[in-house]
Protein backbone atom coordinates (compact mmCIF):
# COMPACT_ATOMS: atom_id res chain seq x y z
CA UNK A 1 89.44 70.81 114.00
CA UNK A 2 92.39 72.19 116.04
CA UNK A 3 90.98 70.84 119.26
CA UNK A 4 90.48 67.42 117.73
CA UNK A 5 94.14 67.24 116.62
CA UNK A 6 93.05 66.80 113.00
CA UNK A 7 94.44 70.06 111.69
CA UNK A 8 96.26 69.96 108.35
CA UNK A 9 99.99 70.55 108.69
CA UNK A 10 99.87 73.45 106.21
CA UNK A 11 97.13 76.09 106.07
CA UNK A 12 96.87 79.08 103.76
CA UNK A 13 94.67 81.83 105.18
CA UNK A 14 93.59 83.91 102.20
CA UNK A 15 91.95 87.27 102.79
CA UNK A 16 92.07 90.84 101.51
CA UNK A 17 94.17 93.46 103.30
CA UNK A 18 92.65 94.46 106.62
CA UNK A 19 90.40 91.40 106.86
CA UNK A 20 92.15 90.06 109.94
CA UNK A 21 94.01 87.09 108.43
CA UNK A 22 97.17 87.82 110.44
CA UNK A 23 95.37 88.26 113.80
CA UNK A 24 93.54 85.00 113.00
CA UNK A 25 96.85 83.20 112.41
CA UNK A 26 98.19 84.52 115.72
CA UNK A 27 95.04 83.40 117.53
CA UNK A 28 95.26 79.95 115.93
CA UNK A 29 98.88 79.54 117.02
CA UNK A 30 97.92 80.51 120.55
CA UNK A 31 95.05 78.01 120.55
CA UNK A 32 97.22 75.15 119.30
CA UNK A 33 99.87 75.75 121.97
CA UNK A 34 97.47 76.56 124.84
CA UNK A 35 97.92 74.25 127.83
CA UNK A 36 94.34 74.63 129.10
CA UNK A 37 92.27 75.31 126.02
CA UNK A 38 88.53 74.73 125.80
CA UNK A 39 86.66 73.60 122.68
CA UNK A 40 85.90 77.27 121.99
CA UNK A 41 89.12 79.17 122.69
CA UNK A 42 92.55 79.36 124.28
CA UNK A 43 92.61 80.09 127.99
CA UNK A 44 94.73 83.22 127.58
CA UNK A 45 96.29 82.67 131.03
CA UNK A 46 98.73 79.77 130.79
CA UNK A 47 102.45 80.29 130.17
CA UNK A 48 102.13 79.24 126.52
CA UNK A 49 99.29 81.71 125.89
CA UNK A 50 101.15 84.57 127.55
CA UNK A 51 104.31 83.92 125.55
CA UNK A 52 102.43 83.48 122.28
CA UNK A 53 100.46 86.66 122.94
CA UNK A 54 103.73 88.57 123.39
CA UNK A 55 105.20 86.92 120.24
CA UNK A 56 108.07 85.41 122.25
CA UNK A 57 107.14 81.71 122.35
CA UNK A 58 110.28 79.79 121.30
CA UNK A 59 108.24 77.33 119.22
CA UNK A 60 106.42 80.00 117.18
CA UNK A 61 108.51 81.31 114.30
CA UNK A 62 107.72 84.18 111.96
CA UNK A 63 108.62 84.85 108.35
CA UNK A 64 107.73 88.05 106.51
CA UNK A 65 109.00 90.42 103.81
CA UNK A 66 112.22 92.22 104.70
CA UNK A 67 114.70 94.47 102.92
CA UNK A 68 118.24 93.50 101.98
CA UNK A 69 119.63 90.90 99.60
CA UNK A 70 120.55 88.40 102.35
CA UNK A 71 118.17 89.48 105.10
CA UNK A 72 116.25 87.10 107.36
CA UNK A 73 113.20 87.81 109.47
CA UNK A 74 115.10 87.20 112.72
CA UNK A 75 117.01 90.43 112.15
CA UNK A 76 113.71 92.34 112.29
CA UNK A 77 111.95 90.55 115.16
CA UNK A 78 112.05 93.53 117.53
CA UNK A 79 110.40 95.80 114.93
CA UNK A 80 107.93 93.02 114.12
CA UNK A 81 106.82 92.61 117.72
CA UNK A 82 106.50 96.36 118.15
CA UNK A 83 104.52 96.77 114.92
CA UNK A 84 102.06 93.98 115.77
CA UNK A 85 101.64 95.24 119.32
CA UNK A 86 100.54 98.57 117.88
CA UNK A 87 98.47 97.24 114.99
CA UNK A 88 98.16 93.55 113.99
CA UNK A 89 95.99 94.67 111.04
CA UNK A 90 98.88 96.45 109.33
CA UNK A 91 99.51 96.12 105.59
CA UNK A 92 102.78 95.49 103.81
CA UNK A 93 103.36 99.18 103.04
CA UNK A 94 103.00 100.02 106.74
CA UNK A 95 105.48 97.28 107.60
CA UNK A 96 108.09 98.14 104.99
CA UNK A 97 108.03 101.82 105.92
CA UNK A 98 108.32 100.79 109.57
CA UNK A 99 111.66 99.09 108.82
CA UNK A 100 112.93 101.97 106.69
CA UNK A 101 112.36 100.50 103.25
CA UNK A 102 111.55 103.87 101.63
CA UNK A 103 111.58 102.94 97.90
CA UNK A 104 113.22 99.52 98.36
CA UNK A 105 111.28 96.39 97.46
CA UNK A 106 110.46 93.85 100.15
CA UNK A 107 111.28 90.19 99.64
CA UNK A 108 111.64 86.82 101.38
CA UNK A 109 115.16 85.69 100.62
CA UNK A 110 117.00 82.45 99.96
CA UNK A 111 118.70 82.84 103.35
CA UNK A 112 115.29 83.12 105.01
CA UNK A 113 114.15 79.84 103.44
CA UNK A 114 117.37 78.08 104.49
CA UNK A 115 116.87 79.43 108.02
CA UNK A 116 113.29 78.08 108.14
CA UNK A 117 114.47 74.63 107.06
CA UNK A 118 117.17 74.70 109.74
CA UNK A 119 114.70 75.68 112.48
CA UNK A 120 112.32 72.87 111.60
CA UNK A 121 115.12 70.31 111.67
CA UNK A 122 115.47 70.95 115.41
CA UNK A 123 113.30 69.66 118.25
CA UNK A 124 110.70 71.85 119.90
CA UNK A 125 111.79 73.82 122.96
CA UNK A 126 108.70 73.78 125.17
CA UNK A 127 105.55 72.81 123.29
CA UNK A 128 104.35 69.73 121.47
CA UNK A 129 104.08 71.68 118.19
CA UNK A 130 106.46 73.87 116.25
CA UNK A 131 104.66 76.59 114.27
CA UNK A 132 105.68 78.85 111.40
CA UNK A 133 103.53 81.89 110.59
CA UNK A 134 104.60 83.22 107.21
CA UNK A 135 103.03 86.55 106.37
CA UNK A 136 102.66 87.29 102.66
CA UNK A 137 104.23 84.26 100.93
CA UNK A 138 103.65 86.25 97.73
CA UNK A 139 107.09 87.74 98.43
CA UNK A 140 108.79 84.34 98.22
CA UNK A 141 108.82 84.28 94.44
CA UNK A 142 110.78 81.31 93.10
CA UNK A 143 112.57 80.91 96.43
CA UNK A 144 109.40 79.17 97.55
CA UNK A 145 110.66 76.06 95.76
CA UNK A 146 113.18 75.63 98.59
CA UNK A 147 110.34 75.05 101.05
CA UNK A 148 108.36 72.51 99.01
CA UNK A 149 109.88 69.37 100.54
CA UNK A 150 109.56 70.76 104.07
CA UNK A 151 105.88 71.62 103.56
CA UNK A 152 105.13 68.32 101.83
CA UNK A 153 107.00 66.12 104.33
CA UNK A 154 107.18 68.16 107.53
CA UNK A 155 108.67 66.94 110.80
CA UNK A 156 106.11 65.51 113.21
CA UNK A 157 103.87 68.07 114.95
CA UNK A 158 104.86 70.90 112.63
CA UNK A 159 102.29 73.47 111.57
CA UNK A 160 102.73 75.97 108.74
CA UNK A 161 100.31 78.90 108.61
CA UNK A 162 100.67 81.01 105.48
CA UNK A 163 98.84 84.34 105.49
CA UNK A 164 98.23 85.61 101.95
CA UNK A 165 96.26 88.19 99.98
CA UNK A 166 96.82 87.15 96.34
CA UNK A 167 97.21 83.52 95.27
CA UNK A 168 98.17 84.63 91.75
CA UNK A 169 101.58 85.63 93.14
CA UNK A 170 102.21 82.31 94.93
CA UNK A 171 103.77 79.26 93.30
CA UNK A 172 101.15 76.64 92.41
CA UNK A 173 103.39 74.00 93.96
CA UNK A 174 103.07 75.83 97.29
CA UNK A 175 99.32 76.27 96.94
CA UNK A 176 98.76 72.59 96.17
CA UNK A 177 100.42 71.60 99.44
CA UNK A 178 98.25 73.83 101.65
CA UNK A 179 94.64 73.66 102.71
CA UNK A 180 93.01 76.91 101.67
CA UNK A 181 90.91 78.83 104.19
CA UNK A 182 89.24 81.96 102.80
CA UNK A 183 88.92 84.91 105.18
CA UNK A 184 86.25 87.35 103.94
CA UNK A 185 86.45 91.12 104.19
CA UNK A 186 84.83 92.44 107.35
CA UNK A 187 81.22 93.54 107.40
CA UNK A 188 80.58 97.23 108.04
CA UNK A 189 79.00 96.38 111.40
CA UNK A 190 82.17 94.55 112.48
CA UNK A 191 84.35 97.49 111.47
CA UNK A 192 82.08 99.88 113.37
CA UNK A 193 82.19 97.73 116.50
CA UNK A 194 85.98 97.47 116.29
CA UNK A 195 86.44 101.20 115.90
CA UNK A 196 84.13 101.98 118.80
CA UNK A 197 86.04 99.52 121.01
CA UNK A 198 89.61 100.38 119.99
CA UNK A 199 89.43 104.12 119.30
CA UNK A 200 86.42 105.28 121.29
CA UNK A 201 84.82 106.69 118.15
CA UNK A 202 81.13 107.48 118.24
CA UNK A 203 78.95 105.04 116.34
CA UNK A 204 78.00 107.62 113.69
CA UNK A 205 81.65 108.56 113.08
CA UNK A 206 82.63 104.90 112.96
CA UNK A 207 79.89 104.16 110.42
CA UNK A 208 81.20 106.84 108.09
CA UNK A 209 84.73 105.44 108.33
CA UNK A 210 83.48 101.88 107.82
CA UNK A 211 81.74 102.95 104.60
CA UNK A 212 84.99 104.33 103.27
CA UNK A 213 87.20 101.46 104.53
CA UNK A 214 85.04 98.88 102.73
CA UNK A 215 85.89 95.94 104.97
CA UNK A 216 89.55 96.89 105.59
CA UNK A 217 90.01 97.45 109.31
CA UNK A 218 93.54 98.78 108.90
CA UNK A 219 92.18 101.44 106.55
CA UNK A 220 89.44 102.23 109.07
CA UNK A 221 92.07 102.78 111.77
CA UNK A 222 93.95 105.15 109.47
CA UNK A 223 90.79 107.08 108.79
CA UNK A 224 90.08 107.25 112.50
CA UNK A 225 93.49 108.85 113.05
CA UNK A 226 92.43 111.61 110.64
CA UNK A 227 88.78 111.88 111.66
CA UNK A 228 89.15 115.57 112.51
CA UNK A 229 89.59 116.26 108.80
CA UNK A 230 86.22 116.35 107.02
CA UNK A 231 87.26 114.87 103.69
CA UNK A 232 83.67 114.87 102.44
CA UNK A 233 83.32 118.64 102.88
CA UNK A 234 86.82 119.23 101.51
CA UNK A 235 86.12 117.18 98.38
CA UNK A 236 82.77 118.80 97.66
CA UNK A 237 84.32 122.24 98.20
CA UNK A 238 87.05 121.25 95.72
CA UNK A 239 84.50 120.19 93.13
CA UNK A 240 82.57 123.45 93.56
CA UNK A 241 85.66 125.65 93.25
CA UNK A 242 86.97 123.69 90.27
CA UNK A 243 83.63 124.03 88.51
CA UNK A 244 83.54 127.76 89.23
CA UNK A 245 87.16 128.20 88.08
CA UNK A 246 87.94 131.24 90.24
CA UNK A 247 91.74 131.43 90.65
CA UNK A 248 91.94 133.00 94.15
CA UNK A 249 89.33 130.55 95.46
CA UNK A 250 91.28 127.58 94.09
CA UNK A 251 94.50 128.95 95.63
CA UNK A 252 92.76 129.30 98.98
CA UNK A 253 91.65 125.66 98.80
CA UNK A 254 95.16 124.52 97.83
CA UNK A 255 96.61 126.30 100.88
CA UNK A 256 94.18 124.42 103.11
CA UNK A 257 94.91 120.98 101.69
CA UNK A 258 98.68 121.59 101.75
CA UNK A 259 98.45 121.96 105.55
CA UNK A 260 96.95 118.48 105.96
CA UNK A 261 100.32 116.76 105.53
CA UNK A 262 101.03 113.80 103.31
CA UNK A 263 98.78 111.31 105.13
CA UNK A 264 95.87 113.75 105.19
CA UNK A 265 96.31 114.44 101.47
CA UNK A 266 96.35 110.71 100.75
CA UNK A 267 93.08 110.26 102.61
CA UNK A 268 91.53 113.19 100.77
CA UNK A 269 92.35 111.55 97.43
CA UNK A 270 91.15 108.19 98.73
CA UNK A 271 87.83 109.71 99.77
CA UNK A 272 87.48 111.52 96.42
CA UNK A 273 88.04 108.28 94.50
CA UNK A 274 85.57 106.48 96.76
CA UNK A 275 82.92 109.15 96.19
CA UNK A 276 83.41 109.10 92.41
CA UNK A 277 83.21 105.30 92.26
CA UNK A 278 79.94 105.40 94.14
CA UNK A 279 78.78 108.30 91.97
CA UNK A 280 79.26 106.12 88.87
CA UNK A 281 77.36 103.28 90.57
CA UNK A 282 74.55 105.72 91.31
CA UNK A 283 74.33 106.81 87.67
CA UNK A 284 74.31 103.19 86.48
CA UNK A 285 72.16 101.43 89.08
CA UNK A 286 70.35 104.16 90.97
CA UNK A 287 70.44 104.19 94.77
CA UNK A 288 70.83 100.42 95.14
CA UNK A 289 73.95 99.35 97.06
CA UNK A 290 75.58 102.79 96.90
CA UNK A 291 78.04 103.16 99.78
CA UNK A 292 77.40 106.83 100.59
CA UNK A 293 76.00 108.49 103.67
CA UNK A 294 72.64 110.23 103.26
CA UNK A 295 74.11 113.74 102.88
CA UNK A 296 76.71 112.48 100.40
CA UNK A 297 74.06 110.61 98.45
CA UNK A 298 71.97 113.74 98.09
CA UNK A 299 75.00 115.64 96.78
CA UNK A 300 75.75 112.84 94.33
CA UNK A 301 72.18 112.96 93.02
CA UNK A 302 72.54 116.69 92.33
CA UNK A 303 75.87 116.18 90.60
CA UNK A 304 74.51 113.46 88.29
CA UNK A 305 72.96 116.07 86.01
CA UNK A 306 76.22 118.04 85.80
CA UNK A 307 78.97 115.45 85.30
CA UNK A 308 79.07 112.85 82.53
CA UNK A 309 80.75 109.45 82.67
CA UNK A 310 83.58 110.73 80.50
CA UNK A 311 84.22 113.69 82.78
CA UNK A 312 84.22 111.50 85.88
CA UNK A 313 86.62 109.07 84.20
CA UNK A 314 89.11 111.88 83.53
CA UNK A 315 88.83 113.27 87.07
CA UNK A 316 89.40 109.77 88.49
CA UNK A 317 92.50 109.42 86.30
CA UNK A 318 93.72 112.82 87.51
CA UNK A 319 93.24 111.90 91.18
CA UNK A 320 94.90 108.51 90.71
CA UNK A 321 97.97 110.28 89.32
CA UNK A 322 97.89 112.63 92.31
CA UNK A 323 97.93 109.65 94.68
CA UNK A 324 101.05 108.35 92.92
CA UNK A 325 102.86 111.67 93.24
CA UNK A 326 101.79 112.22 96.87
CA UNK A 327 103.48 108.90 97.75
CA UNK A 328 106.64 110.29 96.17
CA UNK A 329 106.57 113.53 98.15
CA UNK A 330 105.63 115.88 95.32
CA UNK A 331 105.18 119.55 96.26
CA UNK A 332 101.52 119.58 97.40
CA UNK A 333 100.81 123.19 96.40
CA UNK A 334 102.00 122.67 92.83
CA UNK A 335 100.34 119.25 92.62
CA UNK A 336 96.90 120.32 93.84
CA UNK A 337 96.85 123.64 92.01
CA UNK A 338 97.54 121.75 88.78
CA UNK A 339 94.75 119.32 89.74
CA UNK A 340 92.33 122.25 90.22
CA UNK A 341 93.17 123.71 86.80
CA UNK A 342 92.89 120.35 85.04
CA UNK A 343 89.61 119.49 86.78
CA UNK A 344 88.18 122.86 85.74
CA UNK A 345 89.08 122.15 82.11
CA UNK A 346 87.44 118.73 82.30
CA UNK A 347 84.26 120.15 83.81
CA UNK A 348 84.00 122.84 81.16
CA UNK A 349 84.55 120.41 78.27
CA UNK A 350 81.69 118.35 76.88
CA UNK A 351 82.68 114.67 77.26
CA UNK A 352 80.17 111.87 76.90
């Protein structure tokens, strides 16, 4: 379609976080501008490809969530290039923390929309096409109305590529003017291959991380950064100590988890929630389609006679609250000791 010059002027790439929608948009822009492209791919060697690959082509413009009432994306281009060079699979939380958002909300402002309209009123600098890649148009809100006329009646040889995760948060008037392209979550095999290539992980390690990432390559990369922490063993040890209810043993476990740091603690909770979701699936459907490794599955089978649905529901609620407070820098020793005590009470109470 791109090679045949029949591409729609406005595309919306819709895919879950970590599915590769943004890298796909970047690759598409490179292909459109390539001076020596083949029917299969961009050449990767011409001046246009090299500039697009470095995110410095003057005819490729970017729009993304920023912080500040009157902010525009141009003020954050250096951070943007650096962030994508490190990890083009990043999610919005990664990005906002990268630019120092802390607890501030990201948005795409009125000034940003006015700036986009101004850019597309000008002629191209080098290429035949002028391209806008807008990451997460969900953050436009009602300001998206300012772009409707531009998207509906664009200047000649303009291409708008919107990269989204949730169409429910995008104005219907925007959606109706774009051709939707759905980008599926990655298969486990694709995540494994990517981890082996990019991080040098062993295939067995990568498979375990792919199970937990569930098609989100950004999540898999995070897990790879913490692969030295055995969250499976830590979680099962937590469950055992909580069930036993021995105070010194629980304190010893809390000391260990406090040393993991905030990211390690987040991944522990993430793994625990993953295990418990799969544990519920096991109790409902048996072994079919349960995303657990063989040793984890055996443990889950043994636990099925000990924990009821009601107990698991309360532990999941407890861990979800913990995830919330970890994000807000709660004292980990107090937080996890309280979690141990509450989990012990749940396990010792009959709940159907």
